[in-house]
Amino acid sequence: MNLRTLILLFSASALVAQVQTLPNDIGASYPVINSNFSWLNLNKITGPGSAVANHIPQFSDTSGKALKDGLAVSATATASTVVQRNSSGEVIAVNTPPTGNLPGFFGSAPAGSKCLHSSGTTGLITEAAADCGAGGGGTGNAADLISVTHGVSPTYTSTTNTANTFVLQTVSAENVTGGTFTSVQAGEIDTWTVCQPTTGTPVTYVYPANVLNGGTIGSALNTCTYQRGTVDGSGNLNLDGTTVIKGPGVVLNAIAVDAVLPSVLYSAAGTPLPSCAASLNGATAIVSDAGSPSYMGAYSSGGTVTAAVICSYSGSTYSWLTH
């Protein structure tokens, strides 16, 4: 007999010696002795029987008695397969952004690449039904300079660039009566430039129908008028209302009342002042040959005094006055 222990039991009437053989699997069970002096296993727990250090155990069936190898957990910076999710299957928290691919639970349906969204309120990460695409950003395409061919009704053709500068060089005595602005992209920023002929007769100008808020084009020869705007969702270029006229010896912002000519010393013998006209009303300049200047008196050349002059409109005529 393979005896592992000897147990003495007492009854009410006599001392009875009972010899019982302990089960071989006692190491994996919690045996007690019932009233019939036989071994009774309250719950026999079996394990996976393999190296499972640092693993969280999992039951392998519904009996509540058999364990299988569980999920690996490590206190060091190594991979872990334990993830906590809420009732909707959303990951509750990610404390440290992963350095590699996300775990396989994001590889379930729908198939293909996934777009993950994080909530700034709850910190939850959810999986979208489609790929995010190549990514965001807004660098746009390079700017483009577009020379427009002159005509009574020129065509302005936009590009896919983020910003375009259109330049129309007009021809003497050929007035522009309209035009077409095509291939526009919502959000593009355009600079609209119209230049008067260098010689001959200045022209009048009418904007294309989808170019809005256009300012008055400068009427002086050899000057260019610059404006800027943004294309809206309806394909209209909305100019910002600021008109800048530039040319030899002229820089005029039509909105600002303190527009100033370049820092050039004008004189009759050197660089003469341009003619004071409506396009220069309010502009100032410096002359080096004023003769006996007086405040808001008419400028006369031939002297030796350096003075400031302003193009002023009296209500009937335009003239340069010293001030």
Protein backbone atom coordinates (compact mmCIF):
# COMPACT_ATOMS: atom_id res chain seq x y z
CA MET A 1 0.00 0.00 0.00
CA ASN A 2 1.27 3.40 -0.97
CA LEU A 3 0.54 5.30 2.21
CA ARG A 4 1.22 9.04 2.23
CA THR A 5 -0.18 9.82 5.65
CA LEU A 6 -1.86 8.26 8.63
CA ILE A 7 -4.93 9.92 10.05
CA LEU A 8 -6.49 9.21 13.44
CA LEU A 9 -10.15 9.89 13.69
CA PHE A 10 -12.25 9.97 16.82
CA SER A 11 -15.86 8.90 16.99
CA ALA A 12 -18.31 9.32 19.81
CA SER A 13 -17.94 5.72 21.01
CA ALA A 14 -14.46 4.64 20.25
CA LEU A 15 -11.08 5.56 18.91
CA VAL A 16 -10.94 4.39 15.35
CA ALA A 17 -7.80 4.41 13.28
CA GLN A 18 -8.33 4.95 9.62
CA VAL A 19 -5.59 4.70 7.03
CA GLN A 20 -6.32 6.66 3.86
CA THR A 21 -4.32 7.03 0.67
CA LEU A 22 -4.02 10.67 -0.41
CA PRO A 23 -4.79 11.37 -4.09
CA ASN A 24 -1.77 11.84 -6.36
CA ASP A 25 -3.05 15.23 -7.57
CA ILE A 26 -3.26 16.72 -4.12
CA GLY A 27 -0.70 19.32 -5.11
CA ALA A 28 -3.17 20.79 -7.61
CA SER A 29 -6.25 20.54 -5.38
CA TYR A 30 -7.61 21.48 -2.01
CA PRO A 31 -8.71 18.08 -0.42
CA VAL A 32 -10.79 17.65 2.71
CA ILE A 33 -12.22 14.51 4.35
CA ASN A 34 -15.98 13.98 4.25
CA SER A 35 -18.13 12.10 6.78
CA ASN A 36 -17.31 8.78 5.09
CA PHE A 37 -13.61 9.37 5.66
CA SER A 38 -12.88 9.76 1.91
CA TRP A 39 -11.12 12.59 0.09
CA LEU A 40 -13.31 15.33 -1.39
CA ASN A 41 -11.97 17.96 -3.89
CA LEU A 42 -13.87 21.21 -3.46
CA ASN A 43 -12.36 22.72 -6.65
CA LYS A 44 -9.63 21.25 -8.74
CA ILE A 45 -7.66 24.01 -10.61
CA THR A 46 -5.38 23.00 -13.48
CA GLY A 47 -2.84 25.28 -15.16
CA PRO A 48 -1.25 25.44 -18.63
CA GLY A 49 1.83 23.57 -17.49
CA SER A 50 4.29 25.84 -19.29
CA ALA A 51 6.47 28.85 -18.57
CA VAL A 52 4.00 31.68 -18.00
CA ALA A 53 5.99 34.07 -15.82
CA ASN A 54 4.63 37.64 -15.85
CA HIS A 55 1.48 36.53 -17.69
CA ILE A 56 -2.09 37.29 -16.64
CA PRO A 57 -3.99 33.94 -16.37
CA GLN A 58 -7.13 33.27 -18.39
CA PHE A 59 -9.73 30.52 -18.00
CA SER A 60 -9.77 28.14 -20.97
CA ASP A 61 -13.44 27.04 -20.65
CA THR A 62 -16.62 27.66 -18.70
CA SER A 63 -15.92 25.18 -15.91
CA GLY A 64 -14.00 27.70 -13.87
CA LYS A 65 -11.33 25.05 -13.11
CA ALA A 66 -8.98 25.06 -16.11
CA LEU A 67 -6.50 27.86 -16.75
CA LYS A 68 -4.65 28.59 -19.97
CA ASP A 69 -1.67 30.77 -20.75
CA GLY A 70 -2.74 34.42 -20.48
CA LEU A 71 -1.63 37.78 -21.79
CA ALA A 72 1.94 38.90 -21.44
CA VAL A 73 2.57 41.83 -19.13
CA SER A 74 5.90 43.44 -18.45
CA ALA A 75 7.04 46.25 -16.21
CA THR A 76 9.83 47.08 -18.65
CA ALA A 77 9.62 48.93 -21.97
CA THR A 78 8.56 45.88 -23.96
CA ALA A 79 5.42 44.88 -25.85
CA SER A 80 2.21 44.26 -23.91
CA THR A 81 -1.01 42.72 -25.26
CA VAL A 82 -3.26 44.05 -22.51
CA VAL A 83 -5.60 46.83 -23.68
CA GLN A 84 -8.55 48.27 -21.78
CA ARG A 85 -11.58 49.28 -23.80
CA ASN A 86 -15.06 50.56 -22.95
CA SER A 87 -18.42 49.01 -23.87
CA SER A 88 -18.21 50.49 -27.36
CA GLY A 89 -14.87 48.89 -28.06
CA GLU A 90 -13.00 52.18 -27.77
CA VAL A 91 -9.54 52.29 -26.29
CA ILE A 92 -9.83 54.07 -22.95
CA ALA A 93 -6.39 55.62 -22.81
CA VAL A 94 -3.01 55.61 -24.46
CA ASN A 95 -0.50 57.16 -22.11
CA THR A 96 2.51 56.91 -24.41
CA PRO A 97 2.23 57.16 -28.21
CA PRO A 98 3.28 53.89 -29.87
CA THR A 99 6.57 53.86 -31.75
CA GLY A 100 5.55 51.13 -34.18
CA ASN A 101 2.35 49.81 -35.73
CA LEU A 102 -0.80 49.86 -33.60
CA PRO A 103 -1.96 46.47 -32.30
CA GLY A 104 -4.02 44.12 -34.41
CA PHE A 105 -7.42 45.14 -33.06
CA PHE A 106 -7.31 48.08 -35.49
CA GLY A 107 -6.86 45.62 -38.36
CA SER A 108 -10.43 44.30 -38.14
CA ALA A 109 -13.26 45.29 -40.46
CA PRO A 110 -13.44 47.53 -42.33
CA ALA A 111 -10.42 46.28 -44.20
CA GLY A 112 -7.58 48.49 -45.36
CA SER A 113 -5.89 51.51 -43.85
CA LYS A 114 -7.72 53.16 -40.97
CA CYS A 115 -8.02 56.73 -39.75
CA LEU A 116 -7.86 57.08 -35.96
CA HIS A 117 -9.55 59.94 -34.14
CA SER A 118 -8.76 61.06 -30.62
CA SER A 119 -11.17 62.97 -28.40
CA GLY A 120 -9.78 66.06 -26.73
CA THR A 121 -12.44 65.69 -24.03
CA THR A 122 -12.42 61.99 -23.13
CA GLY A 123 -9.05 60.91 -24.51
CA LEU A 124 -10.73 58.03 -26.36
CA ILE A 125 -9.35 56.76 -29.65
CA THR A 126 -11.88 55.60 -32.24
CA GLU A 127 -11.45 54.00 -35.65
CA ALA A 128 -13.00 55.59 -38.74
CA ALA A 129 -14.52 53.59 -41.57
CA ALA A 130 -12.13 54.90 -44.19
CA ASP A 131 -8.53 55.84 -44.77
CA CYS A 132 -7.50 59.35 -43.77
CA GLY A 133 -5.77 59.81 -47.10
CA ALA A 134 -2.29 61.14 -47.74
CA GLY A 135 -2.50 63.63 -44.87
CA GLY A 136 -3.30 67.26 -44.33
CA GLY A 137 -1.25 70.37 -44.78
CA GLY A 138 -1.70 73.50 -46.78
CA THR A 139 1.51 74.37 -48.54
CA GLY A 140 -0.27 74.73 -51.88
CA ASN A 141 1.48 75.10 -55.20
CA ALA A 142 4.07 77.68 -56.14
CA ALA A 143 2.97 81.15 -57.21
CA ASP A 144 2.76 81.95 -60.91
CA LEU A 145 3.29 85.10 -63.00
CA ILE A 146 0.87 85.22 -65.91
CA SER A 147 1.30 87.66 -68.78
CA VAL A 148 -2.07 88.48 -70.33
CA THR A 149 -2.29 89.20 -74.05
CA HIS A 150 -3.78 92.65 -74.69
CA GLY A 151 -7.07 93.03 -76.48
CA VAL A 152 -10.39 94.82 -76.14
CA SER A 153 -11.62 91.72 -74.26
CA PRO A 154 -8.58 89.83 -72.93
CA THR A 155 -8.74 86.35 -71.35
CA TYR A 156 -7.28 85.80 -67.90
CA THR A 157 -6.70 82.07 -67.37
CA SER A 158 -5.96 81.02 -63.80
CA THR A 159 -3.84 78.02 -62.83
CA THR A 160 -3.97 75.51 -59.99
CA ASN A 161 -1.39 77.56 -58.13
CA THR A 162 -2.08 78.99 -54.68
CA ALA A 163 -1.36 82.53 -55.88
CA ASN A 164 -1.24 84.13 -59.31
CA THR A 165 -0.12 87.51 -60.56
CA PHE A 166 -1.85 88.63 -63.76
CA VAL A 167 -0.13 91.38 -65.75
CA LEU A 168 -1.83 93.10 -68.66
CA GLN A 169 0.31 95.48 -70.71
CA THR A 170 -2.13 97.60 -72.68
CA VAL A 171 -1.55 99.05 -76.12
CA SER A 172 -1.91 102.75 -76.97
CA ALA A 173 -5.46 103.92 -77.71
CA GLU A 174 -6.97 100.38 -77.52
CA ASN A 175 -9.46 100.59 -74.67
CA VAL A 176 -10.29 97.42 -72.70
CA THR A 177 -14.07 96.95 -72.62
CA GLY A 178 -14.28 93.74 -70.58
CA GLY A 179 -12.70 90.29 -70.56
CA THR A 180 -12.98 86.73 -69.25
CA PHE A 181 -11.50 85.35 -66.03
CA THR A 182 -11.52 81.53 -66.23
CA SER A 183 -10.29 78.34 -64.52
CA VAL A 184 -10.45 80.00 -61.11
CA GLN A 185 -9.95 78.00 -57.89
CA ALA A 186 -11.77 78.89 -54.68
CA GLY A 187 -9.31 80.33 -52.15
CA GLU A 188 -6.60 81.36 -54.59
CA ILE A 189 -5.00 84.75 -54.00
CA ASP A 190 -4.51 86.86 -57.11
CA THR A 191 -2.70 90.10 -57.86
CA TRP A 192 -4.38 92.08 -60.65
CA THR A 193 -2.01 94.34 -62.58
CA VAL A 194 -2.96 96.64 -65.44
CA CYS A 195 -0.25 98.76 -67.08
CA GLN A 196 -0.83 101.79 -69.27
CA PRO A 197 1.12 102.10 -72.54
CA THR A 198 4.63 103.49 -72.17
CA THR A 199 3.96 106.03 -74.94
CA GLY A 200 1.01 107.19 -76.98
CA THR A 201 -2.52 107.47 -75.61
CA PRO A 202 -3.65 106.00 -72.25
CA VAL A 203 -6.53 103.53 -72.30
CA THR A 204 -9.67 103.04 -70.23
CA TYR A 205 -10.27 99.71 -68.54
CA VAL A 206 -13.30 97.54 -67.66
CA TYR A 207 -12.91 94.47 -65.41
CA PRO A 208 -14.20 90.96 -66.24
CA ALA A 209 -17.67 90.34 -64.77
CA ASN A 210 -16.37 88.02 -62.01
CA VAL A 211 -13.70 90.47 -60.80
CA LEU A 212 -15.41 92.53 -58.10
CA ASN A 213 -14.57 95.74 -56.20
CA GLY A 214 -12.03 96.87 -58.78
CA GLY A 215 -10.53 100.31 -58.27
CA THR A 216 -9.90 103.03 -60.84
CA ILE A 217 -6.96 102.28 -63.10
CA GLY A 218 -4.27 104.97 -63.19
CA SER A 219 -4.50 107.10 -66.29
CA ALA A 220 -0.89 108.25 -66.60
CA LEU A 221 1.32 106.74 -69.31
CA ASN A 222 3.94 104.21 -68.24
CA THR A 223 2.25 103.45 -64.90
CA CYS A 224 0.86 100.18 -63.54
CA THR A 225 -2.08 99.71 -61.19
CA TYR A 226 -1.85 96.84 -58.68
CA GLN A 227 -4.68 95.25 -56.70
CA ARG A 228 -5.03 92.02 -54.75
CA GLY A 229 -7.93 89.76 -53.81
CA THR A 230 -9.17 86.26 -53.05
CA VAL A 231 -11.43 84.01 -55.11
CA ASP A 232 -14.62 82.97 -53.30
CA GLY A 233 -16.63 79.77 -53.60
CA SER A 234 -18.67 81.22 -56.47
CA GLY A 235 -15.61 81.87 -58.61
CA ASN A 236 -15.52 85.63 -58.07
CA LEU A 237 -12.25 87.46 -57.41
CA ASN A 238 -12.98 89.92 -54.61
CA LEU A 239 -10.37 92.67 -54.77
CA ASP A 240 -9.58 94.22 -51.38
CA GLY A 241 -10.20 97.83 -52.45
CA THR A 242 -6.58 98.97 -52.16
CA THR A 243 -5.20 100.37 -55.44
CA VAL A 244 -1.48 100.98 -55.81
CA ILE A 245 -0.24 102.89 -58.85
CA LYS A 246 3.44 102.68 -59.71
CA GLY A 247 5.50 104.15 -62.48
CA PRO A 248 8.63 106.24 -63.16
CA GLY A 249 8.76 108.62 -60.21
CA VAL A 250 5.28 107.62 -58.97
CA VAL A 251 4.14 105.43 -56.10
CA LEU A 252 0.60 106.23 -55.08
CA ASN A 253 -1.67 104.35 -52.72
CA ALA A 254 -5.12 105.52 -53.71
CA ILE A 255 -6.54 104.75 -50.27
CA ALA A 256 -3.95 106.49 -48.07
CA VAL A 257 -4.13 110.28 -47.94
CA ASP A 258 -0.45 110.56 -47.06
CA ALA A 259 0.87 108.78 -50.15
CA VAL A 260 4.46 109.81 -50.77
CA LEU A 261 6.51 109.83 -53.94
CA PRO A 262 9.93 108.11 -53.85
CA SER A 263 12.73 109.96 -52.11
CA VAL A 264 13.96 111.64 -55.29
CA LEU A 265 14.97 115.30 -55.51
CA TYR A 266 12.94 116.64 -58.40
CA SER A 267 13.91 119.73 -60.41
CA ALA A 268 13.21 121.25 -63.79
CA ALA A 269 16.84 120.75 -64.80
CA GLY A 270 17.09 117.20 -63.48
CA THR A 271 14.15 114.84 -62.90
CA PRO A 272 11.01 116.91 -63.46
CA LEU A 273 7.89 116.39 -61.41
CA PRO A 274 5.17 114.40 -63.18
CA SER A 275 2.10 116.39 -64.10
CA CYS A 276 -0.22 116.95 -61.17
CA ALA A 277 -3.47 115.22 -62.13
CA ALA A 278 -6.38 113.35 -60.55
CA SER A 279 -4.34 110.14 -60.35
CA LEU A 280 -1.74 111.94 -58.15
CA ASN A 281 -4.09 114.03 -56.04
CA GLY A 282 -2.65 114.15 -52.48
CA ALA A 283 0.77 112.77 -53.43
CA THR A 284 3.86 114.57 -52.15
CA ALA A 285 7.39 114.94 -53.41
CA ILE A 286 10.63 116.87 -52.71
CA VAL A 287 12.03 119.47 -55.10
CA SER A 288 15.46 121.08 -54.98
CA ASP A 289 14.84 124.15 -57.12
CA ALA A 290 11.89 125.95 -55.51
CA GLY A 291 11.95 129.70 -55.86
CA SER A 292 10.77 131.67 -52.78
CA PRO A 293 8.38 128.95 -51.59
CA SER A 294 5.44 129.87 -49.36
CA TYR A 295 3.02 127.64 -47.49
CA MET A 296 0.50 126.25 -49.97
CA GLY A 297 1.77 128.61 -52.63
CA ALA A 298 2.25 127.58 -56.21
CA TYR A 299 5.52 125.77 -56.86
CA SER A 300 7.85 127.53 -59.29
CA SER A 301 11.17 126.06 -60.40
CA GLY A 302 14.45 127.86 -61.06
CA GLY A 303 15.35 128.58 -57.43
CA THR A 304 17.75 126.92 -54.97
CA VAL A 305 15.43 125.99 -52.09
CA THR A 306 14.70 122.37 -51.23
CA ALA A 307 11.04 122.08 -50.31
CA ALA A 308 8.17 119.67 -50.08
CA VAL A 309 5.39 119.94 -52.64
CA ILE A 310 1.94 118.41 -52.80
CA CYS A 311 -0.34 117.72 -55.73
CA SER A 312 -3.44 119.65 -54.76
CA TYR A 313 -6.90 120.07 -56.29
CA SER A 314 -8.49 123.50 -55.85
CA GLY A 315 -11.94 122.41 -56.99
CA SER A 316 -11.24 123.28 -60.59
CA THR A 317 -7.53 122.69 -61.27
CA TYR A 318 -4.69 120.43 -60.14
CA SER A 319 -1.29 121.98 -59.29
CA TRP A 320 1.86 121.41 -57.24
CA LEU A 321 1.97 123.58 -54.11
CA THR A 322 4.83 124.03 -51.68
CA HIS A 323 4.12 123.28 -48.01
